[in-house]
């Protein structure tokens, strides 16, 4: 029907396919994996950021973890411009993780860096409906000066795992879930 209420003949059917990637820039990914987050540090103004993370496979087939990366976004807040990222514990084994801190080429509100956590081939695959278990990461500045996390993009105060749209996950470098800053 048009605006005047006139009925026209039916048109042909249309088929559409939605991309598995949101493409970034504020668009959410819609892939078969997502990240859950919990805050492992009760003080947002100390010298470490301690996100608890886990990847959840919401799809119907296994995911090769060596193709998965997680990004947790934060601000450096002055002090040293160098950072270290460590694994305090991982159910898949800390030796099966890689971590690096990356500066954003264009800082965003609440984010001028992110820690990227990846998985080695030793981490194996993540079965459908399963999660990686606890990953306890820790980020500190080279001079151990304090952060101010309260306004960081990925920061939240929950101490139990919950879906985290502001922590992103990628499969083969393509945004699978979450919203980039």
Protein backbone atom coordinates (compact mmCIF):
# COMPACT_ATOMS: atom_id res chain seq x y z
CA UNK A 1 0.00 0.00 0.00
CA UNK A 2 1.15 3.50 -0.70
CA UNK A 3 0.46 6.58 1.45
CA UNK A 4 -2.99 7.00 -0.14
CA UNK A 5 -3.91 3.38 0.64
CA UNK A 6 -3.70 2.14 -2.96
CA UNK A 7 -2.65 -1.51 -3.33
CA UNK A 8 -0.14 -2.42 -6.00
CA UNK A 9 0.75 -5.80 -7.47
CA UNK A 10 3.10 -7.94 -5.41
CA UNK A 11 6.77 -7.61 -6.29
CA UNK A 12 9.30 -10.41 -6.51
CA UNK A 13 10.84 -11.83 -3.33
CA UNK A 14 14.06 -10.27 -2.08
CA UNK A 15 16.87 -12.24 -0.44
CA UNK A 16 19.41 -10.62 1.88
CA UNK A 17 22.41 -11.90 3.80
CA UNK A 18 23.80 -10.17 6.87
CA UNK A 19 27.57 -10.01 7.19
CA UNK A 20 29.15 -11.79 10.17
CA UNK A 21 31.10 -8.62 10.90
CA UNK A 22 29.83 -5.32 12.15
CA UNK A 23 32.83 -3.67 10.51
CA UNK A 24 33.88 -1.49 13.45
CA UNK A 25 33.42 2.21 13.92
CA UNK A 26 30.71 1.71 16.52
CA UNK A 27 28.92 -1.12 14.72
CA UNK A 28 28.46 -4.26 16.79
CA UNK A 29 29.70 -7.57 15.51
CA UNK A 30 27.21 -10.41 15.30
CA UNK A 31 29.45 -13.47 15.15
CA UNK A 32 29.21 -16.75 17.02
CA UNK A 33 31.62 -15.71 19.79
CA UNK A 34 31.27 -13.07 22.47
CA UNK A 35 33.28 -11.86 25.46
CA UNK A 36 32.22 -11.87 29.07
CA UNK A 37 34.00 -9.62 31.58
CA UNK A 38 34.36 -9.22 35.31
CA UNK A 39 36.37 -6.68 37.26
CA UNK A 40 39.15 -8.35 39.24
CA UNK A 41 40.39 -5.13 40.90
CA UNK A 42 38.25 -3.22 43.40
CA UNK A 43 40.36 -0.04 43.12
CA UNK A 44 39.99 1.90 39.85
CA UNK A 45 42.84 4.26 40.84
CA UNK A 46 45.71 1.89 41.59
CA UNK A 47 48.68 0.98 39.37
CA UNK A 48 47.15 -2.03 37.59
CA UNK A 49 44.16 -2.89 35.41
CA UNK A 50 42.95 -6.44 36.04
CA UNK A 51 40.20 -7.57 33.68
CA UNK A 52 38.75 -11.05 34.02
CA UNK A 53 37.70 -12.28 30.57
CA UNK A 54 36.31 -15.34 28.86
CA UNK A 55 35.25 -16.10 25.32
CA UNK A 56 31.88 -17.81 24.85
CA UNK A 57 31.02 -19.78 21.70
CA UNK A 58 27.33 -19.11 21.00
CA UNK A 59 27.46 -20.85 17.62
CA UNK A 60 26.74 -24.41 16.55
CA UNK A 61 30.29 -25.46 15.59
CA UNK A 62 33.72 -25.38 17.22
CA UNK A 63 35.91 -22.27 16.88
CA UNK A 64 39.70 -22.46 16.38
CA UNK A 65 40.98 -20.31 19.26
CA UNK A 66 44.22 -19.48 17.42
CA UNK A 67 42.05 -17.27 15.16
CA UNK A 68 40.43 -15.40 18.09
CA UNK A 69 41.62 -12.14 19.68
CA UNK A 70 40.09 -10.00 22.43
CA UNK A 71 40.54 -6.23 22.88
CA UNK A 72 40.08 -4.46 26.22
CA UNK A 73 40.19 -0.64 25.80
CA UNK A 74 41.64 1.80 28.35
CA UNK A 75 43.38 5.17 28.78
CA UNK A 76 47.01 5.61 29.81
CA UNK A 77 46.24 8.54 32.13
CA UNK A 78 49.71 10.12 32.04
CA UNK A 79 52.89 8.77 33.52
CA UNK A 80 54.86 6.25 31.51
CA UNK A 81 53.88 5.70 27.88
CA UNK A 82 55.09 2.09 27.98
CA UNK A 83 52.96 -0.76 29.28
CA UNK A 84 53.32 -4.40 30.26
CA UNK A 85 50.59 -7.03 30.03
CA UNK A 86 50.74 -10.24 32.03
CA UNK A 87 48.64 -13.33 32.48
CA UNK A 88 48.00 -14.12 36.14
CA UNK A 89 45.86 -17.18 35.34
CA UNK A 90 44.12 -18.77 32.38
CA UNK A 91 42.06 -21.95 32.32
CA UNK A 92 43.57 -22.65 28.87
CA UNK A 93 47.05 -22.01 30.32
CA UNK A 94 48.93 -18.71 30.29
CA UNK A 95 51.47 -20.27 27.91
CA UNK A 96 48.65 -20.57 25.36
CA UNK A 97 47.96 -16.81 25.38
CA UNK A 98 49.65 -13.83 23.76
CA UNK A 99 49.20 -10.29 25.07
CA UNK A 100 50.28 -6.92 23.74
CA UNK A 101 49.32 -3.31 24.42
CA UNK A 102 48.54 -1.25 21.32
CA UNK A 103 48.11 2.53 21.05
CA UNK A 104 45.06 3.65 19.08
CA UNK A 105 46.10 5.70 16.04
CA UNK A 106 43.23 8.06 16.84
CA UNK A 107 42.30 8.21 20.56
CA UNK A 108 38.60 7.90 21.38
CA UNK A 109 36.57 8.87 24.42
CA UNK A 110 37.72 6.49 27.17
CA UNK A 111 40.33 4.76 25.03
CA UNK A 112 43.81 5.59 23.79
CA UNK A 113 45.17 2.01 24.11
CA UNK A 114 43.94 -1.55 24.19
CA UNK A 115 45.37 -4.80 25.40
CA UNK A 116 44.99 -7.50 22.77
CA UNK A 117 44.82 -11.06 24.02
CA UNK A 118 45.25 -13.85 21.51
CA UNK A 119 45.47 -17.62 21.69
CA UNK A 120 48.23 -19.91 20.42
CA UNK A 121 47.51 -23.13 18.57
CA UNK A 122 48.04 -24.93 21.89
CA UNK A 123 44.76 -23.46 23.17
CA UNK A 124 42.89 -25.75 20.76
CA UNK A 125 39.26 -25.25 19.79
CA UNK A 126 36.27 -23.91 21.67
CA UNK A 127 33.28 -26.24 21.40
CA UNK A 128 29.82 -24.93 20.57
CA UNK A 129 28.09 -23.71 23.73
CA UNK A 130 31.35 -23.69 25.73
CA UNK A 131 33.57 -20.93 27.11
CA UNK A 132 37.33 -20.63 27.57
CA UNK A 133 37.09 -20.36 31.34
CA UNK A 134 38.73 -17.61 33.31
CA UNK A 135 41.48 -15.45 31.79
CA UNK A 136 43.01 -13.11 34.39
CA UNK A 137 45.00 -10.38 32.68
CA UNK A 138 46.99 -7.57 34.28
CA UNK A 139 48.21 -4.33 32.70
CA UNK A 140 50.66 -1.90 34.31
CA UNK A 141 52.67 1.12 33.19
CA UNK A 142 56.43 0.93 32.83
CA UNK A 143 56.84 3.29 35.80
CA UNK A 144 54.03 1.63 37.83
CA UNK A 145 52.17 4.96 38.13
CA UNK A 146 48.44 4.88 38.80
CA UNK A 147 45.59 4.55 36.33
CA UNK A 148 42.19 6.21 36.56
CA UNK A 149 39.96 3.47 35.16
CA UNK A 150 36.48 4.78 36.00
CA UNK A 151 36.10 6.53 32.64
CA UNK A 152 37.83 3.84 30.55
CA UNK A 153 35.80 2.49 27.64
CA UNK A 154 35.87 -1.21 28.63
CA UNK A 155 35.81 -0.72 32.41
CA UNK A 156 32.82 -1.90 34.45
CA UNK A 157 32.35 -2.64 38.16
CA UNK A 158 30.65 -6.05 37.95
CA UNK A 159 32.51 -8.76 39.89
CA UNK A 160 30.67 -11.69 38.27
CA UNK A 161 30.95 -12.56 34.58
CA UNK A 162 28.52 -10.71 32.31
CA UNK A 163 28.34 -10.03 28.58
CA UNK A 164 30.59 -7.10 27.71
CA UNK A 165 29.71 -5.19 24.55
CA UNK A 166 32.61 -2.75 25.15
CA UNK A 167 35.21 -5.55 25.06
CA UNK A 168 35.55 -6.69 21.47
CA UNK A 169 36.35 -10.11 20.01
CA UNK A 170 37.66 -10.84 16.53
CA UNK A 171 37.88 -14.02 14.47
CA UNK A 172 40.50 -13.96 11.70
CA UNK A 173 40.87 -10.20 12.28
CA UNK A 174 37.17 -9.49 11.66
CA UNK A 175 34.98 -8.06 14.41
CA UNK A 176 32.79 -10.91 15.63
CA UNK A 177 31.16 -9.27 18.65
CA UNK A 178 31.25 -6.12 20.74
CA UNK A 179 31.34 -2.44 19.87
CA UNK A 180 34.59 -0.66 19.11
CA UNK A 181 34.99 2.80 20.69
